[in-house]
Amino acid sequence: MARIGIIGTGSMGTLLVEALLEAEALQEEEIFIYNRSIQKAIHLQETYPDIHVMPSASRLAAVADTLFICVKPLQIPSLLEEISQSLRPSTLLVSITSPIKVDVIETQVSCKVARAIPSMINQTLSGPSLLSYGERCTQSDRNHLTSLLSFISEPLEIEEDITRVSSDIASCGPAFFSYLTQSFIDAAVRQTAISEEEATELATNMLIGLGKLFEQERFTLTSLQQRICVPGGITGEGIEVLKNETGQMFDHLFQRTHKKFYKEQKHIQESFYNKGRLS
C-alpha cells in the first residue's frame, strides 16, 4: 500500500487530495494529512473518512513514502527543521513551491527531494504540472512521481532556471487569463446593450470550445488567428487594437512576478541562515 503524505491542507493540498482520489490514483486509506490548524484537516476527513489525520508534521514525515509539502514558502525553513529527523533516506520529499530550489532543500534533509508545481486546472484531471528532481532521485523515483501526477495532469520536467516563468504560465496563467476574460466581459457590457449574464455565458463557452480546438489539435495559436482573421474583416480591426494596447504588457507581468520571486528567495535564504541551516 502506498503511503502518500500531504503537509498543508489549504488550497493546493486539498486540490491534490481531491484530484488524486477522483482520478482513482489512490485509495483514501493511502493518504496521510497534517495541517497546522488541525480543524482544516479534520474537515477534509469528514468528506473522505478513511484518510488519516496525523497529530504532527514529524509523525507524518515518519510514515510517508512520498511527502508533499504544501505550505507557504516562508514556512518551509521551520517545517524542514521540524521534520528533518523523521525523514528516512528512502522518503521522496516533494515541494510544490517555486522560490526554494530543489538543491537548497537537499542541503536541509537526508532524503530524496523533488518539486512538483500543480495548477488549479488539475481539478479537472487535466492541464500541466511541473516537475524537477534532485540528485538523489533515481529513475524509479522519477517514474513514480510522473506516474502519480499523470492521473491528474500532463507532467512536464523542467530545468531550474525556467521554474518561475513556467509556473507563471502553467500555474498562475489561469488567474491571469480569467482576469483578462472578465475585463473583456466588463467592456462588452459597458459598450453595448448585452447583459453581464449573457456576455459571461458567451465568453465562458467560447473558452471551453477554444480549449477543445487545441486539445484536438485542429489549430495552433497562429493558425487559429489566421483562420478567423480574414483580410479586411472585423476580427482584424480588433486584433489591431490588441496589438496597440497590449504592447509590452506581458513583458511587464513577467518582470513583476520575477521581482517578487527573487525577493521571496532572498527572504527564505535569510531564514535558513538565521536558523543556522545554511553556511
Protein backbone atom coordinates (compact mmCIF):
# COMPACT_ATOMS: atom_id res chain seq x y z
CA MET A 1 0.00 0.00 0.00
CA ALA A 2 1.26 3.47 -0.91
CA ARG A 3 1.64 5.99 1.89
CA ILE A 4 1.26 9.48 0.46
CA GLY A 5 1.67 12.32 2.94
CA ILE A 6 0.45 15.89 2.48
CA ILE A 7 1.51 18.61 4.90
CA GLY A 8 -0.76 21.63 4.47
CA THR A 9 -4.42 21.23 3.52
CA GLY A 10 -5.00 24.69 2.12
CA SER A 11 -5.96 25.32 -1.49
CA MET A 12 -3.29 23.22 -3.23
CA GLY A 13 -3.03 20.48 -0.60
CA THR A 14 -6.78 19.95 -0.74
CA LEU A 15 -6.66 20.02 -4.54
CA LEU A 16 -4.13 17.16 -4.53
CA VAL A 17 -6.24 15.07 -2.18
CA GLU A 18 -9.46 15.62 -4.11
CA ALA A 19 -7.97 15.18 -7.58
CA LEU A 20 -5.93 12.05 -6.76
CA LEU A 21 -8.99 10.42 -5.21
CA GLU A 22 -11.33 11.46 -8.01
CA ALA A 23 -8.87 10.06 -10.58
CA GLU A 24 -8.66 6.84 -8.53
CA ALA A 25 -4.89 7.21 -8.40
CA LEU A 26 -5.06 6.46 -4.67
CA GLN A 27 -7.42 4.99 -2.11
CA GLU A 28 -8.43 7.11 0.88
CA GLU A 29 -6.52 4.90 3.31
CA GLU A 30 -3.29 5.57 1.39
CA ILE A 31 -3.41 9.31 2.17
CA PHE A 32 -1.98 10.82 5.37
CA ILE A 33 -2.51 14.53 6.05
CA TYR A 34 -1.46 17.16 8.57
CA ASN A 35 -2.35 20.82 8.89
CA ARG A 36 -1.18 23.32 11.48
CA SER A 37 -4.83 24.29 12.01
CA ILE A 38 -5.98 20.76 12.72
CA GLN A 39 -9.66 21.57 12.11
CA LYS A 40 -8.92 22.07 8.39
CA ALA A 41 -7.55 18.54 8.20
CA ILE A 42 -10.48 17.15 10.15
CA HIS A 43 -12.89 18.99 7.85
CA LEU A 44 -11.29 17.26 4.86
CA GLN A 45 -11.54 13.93 6.65
CA GLU A 46 -15.29 14.49 7.05
CA THR A 47 -15.55 14.26 3.26
CA TYR A 48 -13.04 11.40 2.97
CA PRO A 49 -13.44 9.45 6.23
CA ASP A 50 -10.73 6.85 5.53
CA ILE A 51 -7.83 9.28 5.09
CA HIS A 52 -5.51 9.56 8.09
CA VAL A 53 -5.18 12.83 10.03
CA MET A 54 -1.80 12.88 11.77
CA PRO A 55 -1.14 14.71 15.05
CA SER A 56 2.08 16.40 13.92
CA ALA A 57 4.21 17.07 10.84
CA SER A 58 7.03 14.95 12.23
CA ARG A 59 4.73 11.96 12.81
CA LEU A 60 3.50 12.26 9.25
CA ALA A 61 7.05 12.53 7.90
CA ALA A 62 7.96 9.32 9.69
CA VAL A 63 5.31 7.22 7.94
CA ALA A 64 5.03 8.70 4.43
CA ASP A 65 6.85 7.17 1.49
CA THR A 66 6.10 10.24 -0.65
CA LEU A 67 5.61 13.50 1.20
CA PHE A 68 4.14 16.62 -0.43
CA ILE A 69 4.91 19.93 1.29
CA CYS A 70 2.02 22.27 0.55
CA VAL A 71 2.73 25.16 2.93
CA LYS A 72 3.68 28.77 2.19
CA PRO A 73 7.32 29.28 1.10
CA LEU A 74 8.32 31.25 4.21
CA GLN A 75 7.04 28.42 6.42
CA ILE A 76 9.28 25.82 4.80
CA PRO A 77 12.55 26.51 6.70
CA SER A 78 10.84 25.93 10.06
CA LEU A 79 8.96 22.92 8.72
CA LEU A 80 12.12 21.27 7.42
CA GLU A 81 13.77 21.83 10.79
CA GLU A 82 10.80 20.14 12.46
CA ILE A 83 10.64 17.06 10.24
CA SER A 84 14.26 16.52 9.17
CA GLN A 85 14.98 13.90 11.84
CA SER A 86 11.84 11.95 10.98
CA LEU A 87 12.55 11.57 7.27
CA ARG A 88 14.03 8.30 6.04
CA PRO A 89 16.65 8.21 3.24
CA SER A 90 14.08 6.43 1.05
CA THR A 91 11.43 9.12 1.51
CA LEU A 92 10.63 11.22 -1.56
CA LEU A 93 10.04 14.78 -0.33
CA VAL A 94 8.10 16.84 -2.86
CA SER A 95 7.87 20.63 -2.57
CA ILE A 96 5.13 22.41 -4.54
CA THR A 97 6.66 25.89 -4.19
CA SER A 98 8.87 27.63 -6.74
CA PRO A 99 11.07 30.05 -4.71
CA ILE A 100 13.08 27.34 -2.93
CA LYS A 101 15.43 25.43 -5.19
CA VAL A 102 15.49 21.66 -5.03
CA ASP A 103 19.22 21.61 -4.25
CA VAL A 104 18.68 24.00 -1.32
CA ILE A 105 16.11 21.65 0.21
CA GLU A 106 18.55 18.79 -0.35
CA THR A 107 21.03 20.52 1.97
CA GLN A 108 18.43 20.51 4.75
CA VAL A 109 17.35 16.85 4.65
CA SER A 110 18.90 13.43 4.11
CA CYS A 111 16.12 12.06 1.89
CA LYS A 112 15.35 12.40 -1.81
CA VAL A 113 13.88 15.71 -2.99
CA ALA A 114 11.74 16.75 -5.95
CA ARG A 115 9.50 19.64 -6.88
CA ALA A 116 6.01 19.33 -8.38
CA ILE A 117 4.11 22.53 -9.14
CA PRO A 118 0.42 21.80 -9.77
CA SER A 119 -2.21 24.01 -11.37
CA MET A 120 -5.77 24.74 -10.30
CA ILE A 121 -6.76 23.25 -13.67
CA ASN A 122 -5.66 19.87 -12.30
CA GLN A 123 -9.05 19.77 -10.54
CA THR A 124 -10.39 18.76 -13.96
CA LEU A 125 -7.78 15.94 -14.14
CA SER A 126 -6.07 17.84 -16.95
CA GLY A 127 -3.68 20.69 -17.51
CA PRO A 128 0.06 20.87 -16.79
CA SER A 129 2.16 20.13 -13.74
CA LEU A 130 5.87 20.99 -13.50
CA LEU A 131 8.49 18.55 -12.22
CA SER A 132 12.11 18.97 -11.12
CA TYR A 133 14.32 16.40 -9.41
CA GLY A 134 17.24 16.47 -7.02
CA GLU A 135 20.45 14.48 -7.43
CA ARG A 136 19.37 11.73 -5.02
CA CYS A 137 16.29 10.85 -7.07
CA THR A 138 16.53 7.62 -9.02
CA GLN A 139 14.82 6.82 -12.29
CA SER A 140 12.33 4.84 -10.23
CA ASP A 141 11.51 7.97 -8.21
CA ARG A 142 11.01 9.95 -11.41
CA ASN A 143 8.76 7.28 -12.85
CA HIS A 144 6.76 7.08 -9.62
CA LEU A 145 6.08 10.82 -9.33
CA THR A 146 5.40 11.22 -13.05
CA SER A 147 3.00 8.28 -12.99
CA LEU A 148 1.16 9.59 -9.92
CA LEU A 149 0.69 13.08 -11.34
CA SER A 150 -0.24 11.70 -14.77
CA PHE A 151 -3.59 10.73 -13.27
CA ILE A 152 -4.47 14.40 -12.79
CA SER A 153 -2.25 16.33 -15.21
CA GLU A 154 0.24 16.37 -18.05
CA PRO A 155 3.58 16.36 -16.17
CA LEU A 156 6.47 18.24 -17.73
CA GLU A 157 10.02 18.03 -16.38
CA ILE A 158 11.71 21.45 -16.44
CA GLU A 159 15.13 22.90 -15.68
CA GLU A 160 15.64 25.01 -12.56
CA ASP A 161 16.30 28.24 -14.47
CA ILE A 162 12.82 28.33 -16.02
CA THR A 163 10.88 27.39 -12.90
CA ARG A 164 9.38 30.84 -12.32
CA VAL A 165 8.30 31.57 -15.88
CA SER A 166 6.94 28.03 -16.27
CA SER A 167 4.92 28.48 -13.10
CA ASP A 168 3.69 31.88 -14.33
CA ILE A 169 2.34 30.20 -17.46
CA ALA A 170 1.05 26.92 -16.06
CA SER A 171 0.01 27.73 -12.51
CA CYS A 172 -0.65 31.50 -12.45
CA GLY A 173 -1.84 31.60 -16.06
CA PRO A 174 -5.45 30.57 -15.28
CA ALA A 175 -5.78 33.56 -12.93
CA PHE A 176 -4.18 35.94 -15.44
CA PHE A 177 -6.45 34.87 -18.30
CA SER A 178 -9.51 34.78 -16.04
CA TYR A 179 -8.82 38.42 -15.22
CA LEU A 180 -8.44 39.28 -18.92
CA THR A 181 -11.66 37.45 -19.74
CA GLN A 182 -13.54 39.31 -17.02
CA SER A 183 -12.19 42.60 -18.39
CA PHE A 184 -13.35 41.51 -21.85
CA ILE A 185 -16.84 40.85 -20.47
CA ASP A 186 -16.97 44.11 -18.50
CA ALA A 187 -16.05 46.13 -21.59
CA ALA A 188 -18.73 44.40 -23.65
CA VAL A 189 -21.33 45.33 -21.02
CA ARG A 190 -20.13 48.94 -20.83
CA GLN A 191 -20.04 49.47 -24.59
CA THR A 192 -23.16 47.61 -25.72
CA ALA A 193 -26.63 46.51 -24.64
CA ILE A 194 -25.54 42.97 -23.73
CA SER A 195 -26.12 41.90 -20.12
CA GLU A 196 -23.31 40.66 -17.89
CA GLU A 197 -25.01 37.26 -17.68
CA GLU A 198 -25.21 36.93 -21.47
CA ALA A 199 -21.63 38.10 -22.01
CA THR A 200 -20.33 35.76 -19.29
CA GLU A 201 -22.12 32.76 -20.79
CA LEU A 202 -20.82 33.53 -24.27
CA ALA A 203 -17.24 34.13 -23.10
CA THR A 204 -17.17 31.03 -20.90
CA ASN A 205 -18.47 28.76 -23.64
CA MET A 206 -16.04 30.36 -26.10
CA LEU A 207 -13.11 29.48 -23.82
CA ILE A 208 -14.33 25.92 -23.38
CA GLY A 209 -14.63 25.48 -27.13
CA LEU A 210 -11.25 27.15 -27.70
CA GLY A 211 -9.61 24.67 -25.35
CA LYS A 212 -11.20 21.77 -27.23
CA LEU A 213 -9.87 23.06 -30.56
CA PHE A 214 -6.34 22.97 -29.18
CA GLU A 215 -6.88 19.69 -27.36
CA GLN A 216 -8.00 18.09 -30.62
CA GLU A 217 -5.01 19.70 -32.38
CA ARG A 218 -7.22 21.29 -35.00
CA PHE A 219 -5.28 24.57 -34.83
CA THR A 220 -2.20 26.19 -33.42
CA LEU A 221 -2.40 29.61 -31.81
CA THR A 222 -1.16 31.24 -35.02
CA SER A 223 -3.22 29.20 -37.46
CA LEU A 224 -6.42 29.87 -35.49
CA GLN A 225 -5.84 33.63 -35.69
CA GLN A 226 -5.18 33.35 -39.41
CA ARG A 227 -8.32 31.27 -39.97
CA ILE A 228 -10.63 33.70 -38.14
CA CYS A 229 -8.95 36.96 -39.10
CA VAL A 230 -9.91 37.32 -42.79
CA PRO A 231 -8.41 40.27 -44.70
CA GLY A 232 -10.39 43.47 -44.16
CA GLY A 233 -12.67 41.82 -41.61
CA ILE A 234 -13.95 42.90 -38.22
CA THR A 235 -11.70 40.49 -36.31
CA GLY A 236 -8.69 42.16 -37.90
CA GLU A 237 -9.80 45.51 -36.52
CA GLY A 238 -9.96 44.03 -33.05
CA ILE A 239 -6.54 42.38 -33.41
CA GLU A 240 -5.03 45.75 -34.32
CA VAL A 241 -6.40 47.24 -31.11
CA LEU A 242 -4.93 44.38 -29.11
CA LYS A 243 -1.54 44.83 -30.76
CA ASN A 244 -1.52 48.54 -29.96
CA GLU A 245 -2.96 48.33 -26.47
CA THR A 246 -1.19 45.31 -25.00
CA GLY A 247 2.27 46.36 -26.17
CA GLN A 248 4.74 45.18 -23.53
CA MET A 249 2.04 44.31 -21.00
CA PHE A 250 3.12 40.71 -20.63
CA ASP A 251 6.81 41.70 -20.53
CA HIS A 252 5.94 43.83 -17.52
CA LEU A 253 3.94 40.99 -15.99
CA PHE A 254 6.91 38.62 -16.11
CA GLN A 255 9.20 41.33 -14.78
CA ARG A 256 6.93 41.85 -11.76
CA THR A 257 6.45 38.16 -10.99
CA HIS A 258 10.19 37.52 -11.23
CA LYS A 259 10.95 40.51 -8.98
CA LYS A 260 8.60 39.09 -6.35
CA PHE A 261 10.10 35.64 -6.86
CA TYR A 262 13.68 36.81 -6.24
CA LYS A 263 12.56 38.80 -3.20
CA GLU A 264 10.94 35.69 -1.71
CA GLN A 265 14.06 33.65 -2.49
CA LYS A 266 16.18 36.17 -0.58
CA HIS A 267 13.88 36.15 2.45
CA ILE A 268 13.80 32.36 2.55
CA GLN A 269 17.58 32.12 2.25
CA GLU A 270 17.93 34.60 5.13
CA SER A 271 15.57 32.43 7.17
CA PHE A 272 17.75 29.38 6.58
CA TYR A 273 20.86 31.35 7.57
CA ASN A 274 19.17 32.67 10.73
CA LYS A 275 18.36 29.12 11.73
CA GLY A 276 21.96 28.09 11.10
CA ARG A 277 20.93 25.64 8.41
CA LEU A 278 22.96 27.26 5.65
CA SER A 279 26.54 28.45 5.88
